[in-house]
Amino acid sequence: MGYSEKYEGSKSECLKYVKEIVGELMKEDLEVEGEKVIIPNDRDLDYKVKYENDEYEGKFSIKIGWVYKEREEEEEEQEEQEED
């Protein structure tokens, strides 16, 4: 399930907010739409920094991801349950 929050403000307000949420994330106190954000300690993380800028718009993003279990494993478990 996905959760998101969107804001608009000045560069100063944006960077202050980013600083706050990174601190909250590190302390495991960050919430998005009331849902606590937990980055697992026992998984490898994929992380990416992306920057785009052209004559029409600019974007900067930081993305962190992880996998709990592979889709193939999940499908095999479902097949085993269906056979039982």
PDB file of N, CA and C in Angstrom:
ATOM      1  N   MET A   1       0.848  -1.168   0.000  1.00  0.00           N
ATOM      2  CA  MET A   1       0.000   0.000   0.000  1.00  0.00           C
ATOM      3  C   MET A   1       0.895   1.233   0.000  1.00  0.00           C
ATOM      4  N   GLY A   2       0.520   2.253  -0.716  1.00  0.00           N
ATOM      5  CA  GLY A   2       1.347   3.449  -0.834  1.00  0.00           C
ATOM      6  C   GLY A   2       0.781   4.616  -0.046  1.00  0.00           C
ATOM      7  N   TYR A   3       1.644   5.406   0.491  1.00  0.00           N
ATOM      8  CA  TYR A   3       1.273   6.600   1.245  1.00  0.00           C
ATOM      9  C   TYR A   3       2.116   7.753   0.730  1.00  0.00           C
ATOM     10  N   SER A   4       1.555   8.946   0.703  1.00  0.00           N
ATOM     11  CA  SER A   4       2.335  10.100   0.265  1.00  0.00           C
ATOM     12  C   SER A   4       1.781  11.370   0.880  1.00  0.00           C
ATOM     13  N   GLU A   5       2.622  12.343   0.964  1.00  0.00           N
ATOM     14  CA  GLU A   5       2.242  13.683   1.412  1.00  0.00           C
ATOM     15  C   GLU A   5       2.887  14.663   0.449  1.00  0.00           C
ATOM     16  N   LYS A   6       2.186  15.734   0.145  1.00  0.00           N
ATOM     17  CA  LYS A   6       2.687  16.709  -0.819  1.00  0.00           C
ATOM     18  C   LYS A   6       2.624  18.099  -0.201  1.00  0.00           C
ATOM     19  N   TYR A   7       3.664  18.877  -0.433  1.00  0.00           N
ATOM     20  CA  TYR A   7       3.747  20.226   0.113  1.00  0.00           C
ATOM     21  C   TYR A   7       4.242  21.180  -0.960  1.00  0.00           C
ATOM     22  N   GLU A   8       4.031  22.436  -0.723  1.00  0.00           N
ATOM     23  CA  GLU A   8       4.556  23.474  -1.605  1.00  0.00           C
ATOM     24  C   GLU A   8       5.077  24.596  -0.725  1.00  0.00           C
ATOM     25  N   GLY A   9       6.231  25.149  -1.065  1.00  0.00           N
ATOM     26  CA  GLY A   9       6.802  26.225  -0.277  1.00  0.00           C
ATOM     27  C   GLY A   9       8.100  26.707  -0.892  1.00  0.00           C
ATOM     28  N   SER A  10       8.775  27.542  -0.152  1.00  0.00           N
ATOM     29  CA  SER A  10      10.043  28.105  -0.619  1.00  0.00           C
ATOM     30  C   SER A  10      11.164  27.069  -0.513  1.00  0.00           C
ATOM     31  N   LYS A  11      12.301  27.373  -1.125  1.00  0.00           N
ATOM     32  CA  LYS A  11      13.471  26.504  -1.031  1.00  0.00           C
ATOM     33  C   LYS A  11      13.867  26.316   0.426  1.00  0.00           C
ATOM     34  N   SER A  12      13.859  27.397   1.187  1.00  0.00           N
ATOM     35  CA  SER A  12      14.226  27.337   2.595  1.00  0.00           C
ATOM     36  C   SER A  12      13.285  26.410   3.370  1.00  0.00           C
ATOM     37  N   GLU A  13      11.982  26.543   3.128  1.00  0.00           N
ATOM     38  CA  GLU A  13      11.001  25.692   3.809  1.00  0.00           C
ATOM     39  C   GLU A  13      11.187  24.227   3.415  1.00  0.00           C
ATOM     40  N   CYS A  14      11.428  23.994   2.140  1.00  0.00           N
ATOM     41  CA  CYS A  14      11.612  22.634   1.632  1.00  0.00           C
ATOM     42  C   CYS A  14      12.835  21.975   2.268  1.00  0.00           C
ATOM     43  N   LEU A  15      13.963  22.668   2.268  1.00  0.00           N
ATOM     44  CA  LEU A  15      15.187  22.087   2.810  1.00  0.00           C
ATOM     45  C   LEU A  15      15.090  21.879   4.318  1.00  0.00           C
ATOM     46  N   LYS A  16      14.395  22.769   5.007  1.00  0.00           N
ATOM     47  CA  LYS A  16      14.160  22.589   6.445  1.00  0.00           C
ATOM     48  C   LYS A  16      13.335  21.326   6.676  1.00  0.00           C
ATOM     49  N   TYR A  17      12.303  21.125   5.863  1.00  0.00           N
ATOM     50  CA  TYR A  17      11.457  19.941   5.980  1.00  0.00           C
ATOM     51  C   TYR A  17      12.258  18.666   5.691  1.00  0.00           C
ATOM     52  N   VAL A  18      13.078  18.683   4.641  1.00  0.00           N
ATOM     53  CA  VAL A  18      13.896  17.514   4.306  1.00  0.00           C
ATOM     54  C   VAL A  18      14.821  17.175   5.471  1.00  0.00           C
ATOM     55  N   LYS A  19      15.429  18.185   6.061  1.00  0.00           N
ATOM     56  CA  LYS A  19      16.319  17.965   7.212  1.00  0.00           C
ATOM     57  C   LYS A  19      15.554  17.324   8.368  1.00  0.00           C
ATOM     58  N   GLU A  20      14.333  17.804   8.619  1.00  0.00           N
ATOM     59  CA  GLU A  20      13.509  17.255   9.702  1.00  0.00           C
ATOM     60  C   GLU A  20      13.142  15.797   9.440  1.00  0.00           C
ATOM     61  N   ILE A  21      12.702  15.493   8.216  1.00  0.00           N
ATOM     62  CA  ILE A  21      12.250  14.120   7.970  1.00  0.00           C
ATOM     63  C   ILE A  21      13.410  13.130   7.933  1.00  0.00           C
ATOM     64  N   VAL A  22      14.586  13.561   7.498  1.00  0.00           N
ATOM     65  CA  VAL A  22      15.746  12.667   7.532  1.00  0.00           C
ATOM     66  C   VAL A  22      16.086  12.339   8.985  1.00  0.00           C
ATOM     67  N   GLY A  23      16.043  13.327   9.857  1.00  0.00           N
ATOM     68  CA  GLY A  23      16.276  13.086  11.282  1.00  0.00           C
ATOM     69  C   GLY A  23      15.252  12.127  11.865  1.00  0.00           C
ATOM     70  N   GLU A  24      13.983  12.337  11.523  1.00  0.00           N
ATOM     71  CA  GLU A  24      12.920  11.450  12.002  1.00  0.00           C
ATOM     72  C   GLU A  24      13.107  10.036  11.456  1.00  0.00           C
ATOM     73  N   LEU A  25      13.496   9.924  10.195  1.00  0.00           N
ATOM     74  CA  LEU A  25      13.718   8.618   9.580  1.00  0.00           C
ATOM     75  C   LEU A  25      14.837   7.874  10.302  1.00  0.00           C
ATOM     76  N   MET A  26      15.915   8.564  10.616  1.00  0.00           N
ATOM     77  CA  MET A  26      17.050   7.939  11.295  1.00  0.00           C
ATOM     78  C   MET A  26      16.683   7.477  12.699  1.00  0.00           C
ATOM     79  N   LYS A  27      15.760   8.184  13.349  1.00  0.00           N
ATOM     80  CA  LYS A  27      15.298   7.799  14.691  1.00  0.00           C
ATOM     81  C   LYS A  27      14.107   6.851  14.636  1.00  0.00           C
ATOM     82  N   GLU A  28      13.681   6.475  13.420  1.00  0.00           N
ATOM     83  CA  GLU A  28      12.499   5.642  13.188  1.00  0.00           C
ATOM     84  C   GLU A  28      11.239   6.283  13.763  1.00  0.00           C
ATOM     85  N   ASP A  29      11.156   7.606  13.657  1.00  0.00           N
ATOM     86  CA  ASP A  29       9.986   8.363  14.105  1.00  0.00           C
ATOM     87  C   ASP A  29       9.201   8.965  12.948  1.00  0.00           C
ATOM     88  N   LEU A  30       9.591   8.688  11.716  1.00  0.00           N
ATOM     89  CA  LEU A  30       8.936   9.298  10.562  1.00  0.00           C
ATOM     90  C   LEU A  30       7.605   8.611  10.274  1.00  0.00           C
ATOM     91  N   GLU A  31       6.572   9.421  10.032  1.00  0.00           N
ATOM     92  CA  GLU A  31       5.267   8.916   9.626  1.00  0.00           C
ATOM     93  C   GLU A  31       4.838   9.620   8.352  1.00  0.00           C
ATOM     94  N   VAL A  32       4.192   8.872   7.462  1.00  0.00           N
ATOM     95  CA  VAL A  32       3.613   9.420   6.243  1.00  0.00           C
ATOM     96  C   VAL A  32       2.141   9.037   6.250  1.00  0.00           C
ATOM     97  N   GLU A  33       1.275  10.021   6.227  1.00  0.00           N
ATOM     98  CA  GLU A  33      -0.170   9.817   6.335  1.00  0.00           C
ATOM     99  C   GLU A  33      -0.504   8.976   7.562  1.00  0.00           C
ATOM    100  N   GLY A  34       0.216   9.197   8.659  1.00  0.00           N
ATOM    101  CA  GLY A  34      -0.036   8.469   9.897  1.00  0.00           C
ATOM    102  C   GLY A  34       0.566   7.073   9.936  1.00  0.00           C
ATOM    103  N   GLU A  35       1.217   6.646   8.868  1.00  0.00           N
ATOM    104  CA  GLU A  35       1.828   5.319   8.793  1.00  0.00           C
ATOM    105  C   GLU A  35       3.319   5.434   9.097  1.00  0.00           C
ATOM    106  N   LYS A  36       3.785   4.680  10.100  1.00  0.00           N
ATOM    107  CA  LYS A  36       5.189   4.725  10.497  1.00  0.00           C
ATOM    108  C   LYS A  36       6.083   4.132   9.405  1.00  0.00           C
ATOM    109  N   VAL A  37       7.153   4.834   9.075  1.00  0.00           N
ATOM    110  CA  VAL A  37       8.110   4.384   8.054  1.00  0.00           C
ATOM    111  C   VAL A  37       9.226   3.614   8.753  1.00  0.00           C
ATOM    112  N   ILE A  38       9.358   2.342   8.395  1.00  0.00           N
ATOM    113  CA  ILE A  38      10.410   1.507   8.970  1.00  0.00           C
ATOM    114  C   ILE A  38      11.258   0.947   7.830  1.00  0.00           C
ATOM    115  N   ILE A  39      12.513   1.290   7.813  1.00  0.00           N
ATOM    116  CA  ILE A  39      13.447   0.710   6.849  1.00  0.00           C
ATOM    117  C   ILE A  39      14.106  -0.479   7.547  1.00  0.00           C
ATOM    118  N   PRO A  40      13.964  -1.673   6.987  1.00  0.00           N
ATOM    119  CA  PRO A  40      14.469  -2.872   7.668  1.00  0.00           C
ATOM    120  C   PRO A  40      15.992  -2.873   7.812  1.00  0.00           C
ATOM    121  N   ASN A  41      16.446  -3.442   8.929  1.00  0.00           N
ATOM    122  CA  ASN A  41      17.882  -3.555   9.195  1.00  0.00           C
ATOM    123  C   ASN A  41      18.494  -4.801   8.568  1.00  0.00           C
ATOM    124  N   ASP A  42      17.661  -5.783   8.236  1.00  0.00           N
ATOM    125  CA  ASP A  42      18.161  -7.078   7.779  1.00  0.00           C
ATOM    126  C   ASP A  42      18.033  -7.287   6.270  1.00  0.00           C
ATOM    127  N   ARG A  43      17.893  -6.215   5.516  1.00  0.00           N
ATOM    128  CA  ARG A  43      17.755  -6.305   4.059  1.00  0.00           C
ATOM    129  C   ARG A  43      18.769  -5.396   3.383  1.00  0.00           C
ATOM    130  N   ASP A  44      19.169  -5.787   2.180  1.00  0.00           N
ATOM    131  CA  ASP A  44      19.964  -4.882   1.357  1.00  0.00           C
ATOM    132  C   ASP A  44      19.034  -3.806   0.812  1.00  0.00           C
ATOM    133  N   LEU A  45      19.531  -2.595   0.746  1.00  0.00           N
ATOM    134  CA  LEU A  45      18.730  -1.476   0.258  1.00  0.00           C
ATOM    135  C   LEU A  45      19.206  -1.057  -1.123  1.00  0.00           C
ATOM    136  N   ASP A  46      18.246  -0.700  -1.957  1.00  0.00           N
ATOM    137  CA  ASP A  46      18.540  -0.053  -3.232  1.00  0.00           C
ATOM    138  C   ASP A  46      18.240   1.418  -3.021  1.00  0.00           C
ATOM    139  N   TYR A  47      19.188   2.288  -3.351  1.00  0.00           N
ATOM    140  CA  TYR A  47      18.920   3.712  -3.182  1.00  0.00           C
ATOM    141  C   TYR A  47      19.456   4.479  -4.366  1.00  0.00           C
ATOM    142  N   LYS A  48      18.727   5.529  -4.702  1.00  0.00           N
ATOM    143  CA  LYS A  48      19.046   6.282  -5.909  1.00  0.00           C
ATOM    144  C   LYS A  48      18.798   7.768  -5.659  1.00  0.00           C
ATOM    145  N   VAL A  49      19.689   8.592  -6.168  1.00  0.00           N
ATOM    146  CA  VAL A  49      19.516  10.042  -6.178  1.00  0.00           C
ATOM    147  C   VAL A  49      19.330  10.432  -7.636  1.00  0.00           C
ATOM    148  N   LYS A  50      18.295  11.195  -7.907  1.00  0.00           N
ATOM    149  CA  LYS A  50      17.979  11.556  -9.290  1.00  0.00           C
ATOM    150  C   LYS A  50      17.798  13.065  -9.403  1.00  0.00           C
ATOM    151  N   TYR A  51      18.365  13.633 -10.459  1.00  0.00           N
ATOM    152  CA  TYR A  51      18.263  15.068 -10.718  1.00  0.00           C
ATOM    153  C   TYR A  51      17.936  15.274 -12.182  1.00  0.00           C
ATOM    154  N   GLU A  52      16.923  16.072 -12.461  1.00  0.00           N
ATOM    155  CA  GLU A  52      16.544  16.431 -13.827  1.00  0.00           C
ATOM    156  C   GLU A  52      16.350  17.938 -13.874  1.00  0.00           C
ATOM    157  N   ASN A  53      16.772  18.554 -14.970  1.00  0.00           N
ATOM    158  CA  ASN A  53      16.601  19.992 -15.108  1.00  0.00           C
ATOM    159  C   ASN A  53      16.604  20.337 -16.591  1.00  0.00           C
ATOM    160  N   ASP A  54      15.548  20.984 -17.052  1.00  0.00           N
ATOM    161  CA  ASP A  54      15.505  21.459 -18.431  1.00  0.00           C
ATOM    162  C   ASP A  54      14.828  22.825 -18.452  1.00  0.00           C
ATOM    163  N   GLU A  55      14.500  23.312 -19.619  1.00  0.00           N
ATOM    164  CA  GLU A  55      13.932  24.660 -19.722  1.00  0.00           C
ATOM    165  C   GLU A  55      12.521  24.762 -19.153  1.00  0.00           C
ATOM    166  N   TYR A  56      11.855  23.614 -18.919  1.00  0.00           N
ATOM    167  CA  TYR A  56      10.475  23.635 -18.446  1.00  0.00           C
ATOM    168  C   TYR A  56      10.325  23.369 -16.955  1.00  0.00           C
ATOM    169  N   GLU A  57      11.141  22.465 -16.418  1.00  0.00           N
ATOM    170  CA  GLU A  57      11.024  22.138 -14.999  1.00  0.00           C
ATOM    171  C   GLU A  57      12.281  21.452 -14.496  1.00  0.00           C
ATOM    172  N   GLY A  58      12.373  21.359 -13.191  1.00  0.00           N
ATOM    173  CA  GLY A  58      13.466  20.651 -12.554  1.00  0.00           C
ATOM    174  C   GLY A  58      12.913  19.728 -11.485  1.00  0.00           C
ATOM    175  N   LYS A  59      13.626  18.640 -11.211  1.00  0.00           N
ATOM    176  CA  LYS A  59      13.218  17.671 -10.196  1.00  0.00           C
ATOM    177  C   LYS A  59      14.455  17.104  -9.521  1.00  0.00           C
ATOM    178  N   PHE A  60      14.317  16.828  -8.243  1.00  0.00           N
ATOM    179  CA  PHE A  60      15.351  16.156  -7.466  1.00  0.00           C
ATOM    180  C   PHE A  60      14.639  15.149  -6.579  1.00  0.00           C
ATOM    181  N   SER A  61      15.122  13.918  -6.550  1.00  0.00           N
ATOM    182  CA  SER A  61      14.474  12.922  -5.695  1.00  0.00           C
ATOM    183  C   SER A  61      15.497  11.964  -5.103  1.00  0.00           C
ATOM    184  N   ILE A  62      15.126  11.430  -3.957  1.00  0.00           N
ATOM    185  CA  ILE A  62      15.898  10.391  -3.287  1.00  0.00           C
ATOM    186  C   ILE A  62      14.933   9.228  -3.099  1.00  0.00           C
ATOM    187  N   LYS A  63      15.343   8.048  -3.529  1.00  0.00           N
ATOM    188  CA  LYS A  63      14.466   6.885  -3.454  1.00  0.00           C
ATOM    189  C   LYS A  63      15.207   5.747  -2.770  1.00  0.00           C
ATOM    190  N   ILE A  64      14.557   5.111  -1.790  1.00  0.00           N
ATOM    191  CA  ILE A  64      15.124   3.978  -1.068  1.00  0.00           C
ATOM    192  C   ILE A  64      14.141   2.820  -1.191  1.00  0.00           C
ATOM    193  N   GLY A  65      14.647   1.644  -1.535  1.00  0.00           N
ATOM    194  CA  GLY A  65      13.773   0.485  -1.673  1.00  0.00           C
ATOM    195  C   GLY A  65      14.421  -0.770  -1.131  1.00  0.00           C
ATOM    196  N   TRP A  66      13.588  -1.796  -0.868  1.00  0.00           N
ATOM    197  CA  TRP A  66      14.066  -3.077  -0.382  1.00  0.00           C
ATOM    198  C   TRP A  66      13.039  -4.133  -0.749  1.00  0.00           C
ATOM    199  N   VAL A  67      13.461  -5.386  -0.688  1.00  0.00           N
ATOM    200  CA  VAL A  67      12.587  -6.507  -1.015  1.00  0.00           C
ATOM    201  C   VAL A  67      12.466  -7.391   0.219  1.00  0.00           C
ATOM    202  N   TYR A  68      11.225  -7.741   0.596  1.00  0.00           N
ATOM    203  CA  TYR A  68      11.019  -8.667   1.713  1.00  0.00           C
ATOM    204  C   TYR A  68      11.197 -10.107   1.269  1.00  0.00           C
ATOM    205  N   LYS A  69      10.623 -10.452   0.107  1.00  0.00           N
ATOM    206  CA  LYS A  69      10.872 -11.761  -0.483  1.00  0.00           C
ATOM    207  C   LYS A  69      10.637 -11.675  -1.973  1.00  0.00           C
ATOM    208  N   GLU A  70      11.320 -12.520  -2.682  1.00  0.00           N
ATOM    209  CA  GLU A  70      11.231 -12.507  -4.135  1.00  0.00           C
ATOM    210  C   GLU A  70       9.853 -12.966  -4.581  1.00  0.00           C
ATOM    211  N   ARG A  71       9.373 -12.428  -5.671  1.00  0.00           N
ATOM    212  CA  ARG A  71       8.057 -12.787  -6.203  1.00  0.00           C
ATOM    213  C   ARG A  71       7.965 -14.277  -6.526  1.00  0.00           C
ATOM    214  N   GLU A  72       9.037 -14.880  -7.043  1.00  0.00           N
ATOM    215  CA  GLU A  72       9.022 -16.304  -7.363  1.00  0.00           C
ATOM    216  C   GLU A  72       8.778 -17.131  -6.113  1.00  0.00           C
ATOM    217  N   GLU A  73       9.429 -16.770  -4.992  1.00  0.00           N
ATOM    218  CA  GLU A  73       9.225 -17.477  -3.735  1.00  0.00           C
ATOM    219  C   GLU A  73       7.770 -17.373  -3.310  1.00  0.00           C
ATOM    220  N   GLU A  74       7.201 -16.186  -3.435  1.00  0.00           N
ATOM    221  CA  GLU A  74       5.822 -15.941  -3.045  1.00  0.00           C
ATOM    222  C   GLU A  74       4.869 -16.791  -3.890  1.00  0.00           C
ATOM    223  N   GLU A  75       5.110 -16.860  -5.196  1.00  0.00           N
ATOM    224  CA  GLU A  75       4.270 -17.656  -6.090  1.00  0.00           C
ATOM    225  C   GLU A  75       4.375 -19.139  -5.753  1.00  0.00           C
ATOM    226  N   GLU A  76       5.589 -19.624  -5.438  1.00  0.00           N
ATOM    227  CA  GLU A  76       5.774 -21.022  -5.064  1.00  0.00           C
ATOM    228  C   GLU A  76       5.017 -21.340  -3.784  1.00  0.00           C
ATOM    229  N   GLU A  77       5.055 -20.437  -2.798  1.00  0.00           N
ATOM    230  CA  GLU A  77       4.339 -20.648  -1.548  1.00  0.00           C
ATOM    231  C   GLU A  77       2.837 -20.708  -1.791  1.00  0.00           C
ATOM    232  N   GLN A  78       2.323 -19.853  -2.671  1.00  0.00           N
ATOM    233  CA  GLN A  78       0.899 -19.861  -2.985  1.00  0.00           C
ATOM    234  C   GLN A  78       0.508 -21.167  -3.660  1.00  0.00           C
ATOM    235  N   GLU A  79       1.343 -21.659  -4.578  1.00  0.00           N
ATOM    236  CA  GLU A  79       1.066 -22.923  -5.259  1.00  0.00           C
ATOM    237  C   GLU A  79       1.045 -24.076  -4.266  1.00  0.00           C
ATOM    238  N   GLU A  80       1.992 -24.095  -3.311  1.00  0.00           N
ATOM    239  CA  GLU A  80       2.036 -25.145  -2.301  1.00  0.00           C
ATOM    240  C   GLU A  80       0.787 -25.117  -1.438  1.00  0.00           C
ATOM    241  N   GLN A  81       0.319 -23.925  -1.079  1.00  0.00           N
ATOM    242  CA  GLN A  81      -0.886 -23.801  -0.260  1.00  0.00           C
ATOM    243  C   GLN A  81      -2.111 -24.276  -1.028  1.00  0.00           C
ATOM    244  N   GLU A  82      -2.159 -23.998  -2.326  1.00  0.00           N
ATOM    245  CA  GLU A  82      -3.290 -24.419  -3.149  1.00  0.00           C
ATOM    246  C   GLU A  82      -3.322 -25.936  -3.302  1.00  0.00           C
ATOM    247  N   GLU A  83      -2.143 -26.586  -3.314  1.00  0.00           N
ATOM    248  CA  GLU A  83      -2.071 -28.036  -3.447  1.00  0.00           C
ATOM    249  C   GLU A  83      -2.539 -28.739  -2.185  1.00  0.00           C
ATOM    250  N   ASP A  84      -2.387 -28.102  -1.024  1.00  0.00           N
ATOM    251  CA  ASP A  84      -2.762 -28.727   0.262  1.00  0.00           C
ATOM    252  C   ASP A  84      -4.229 -28.818   0.457  1.00  0.00           C
TER     253      ASP A  84
END
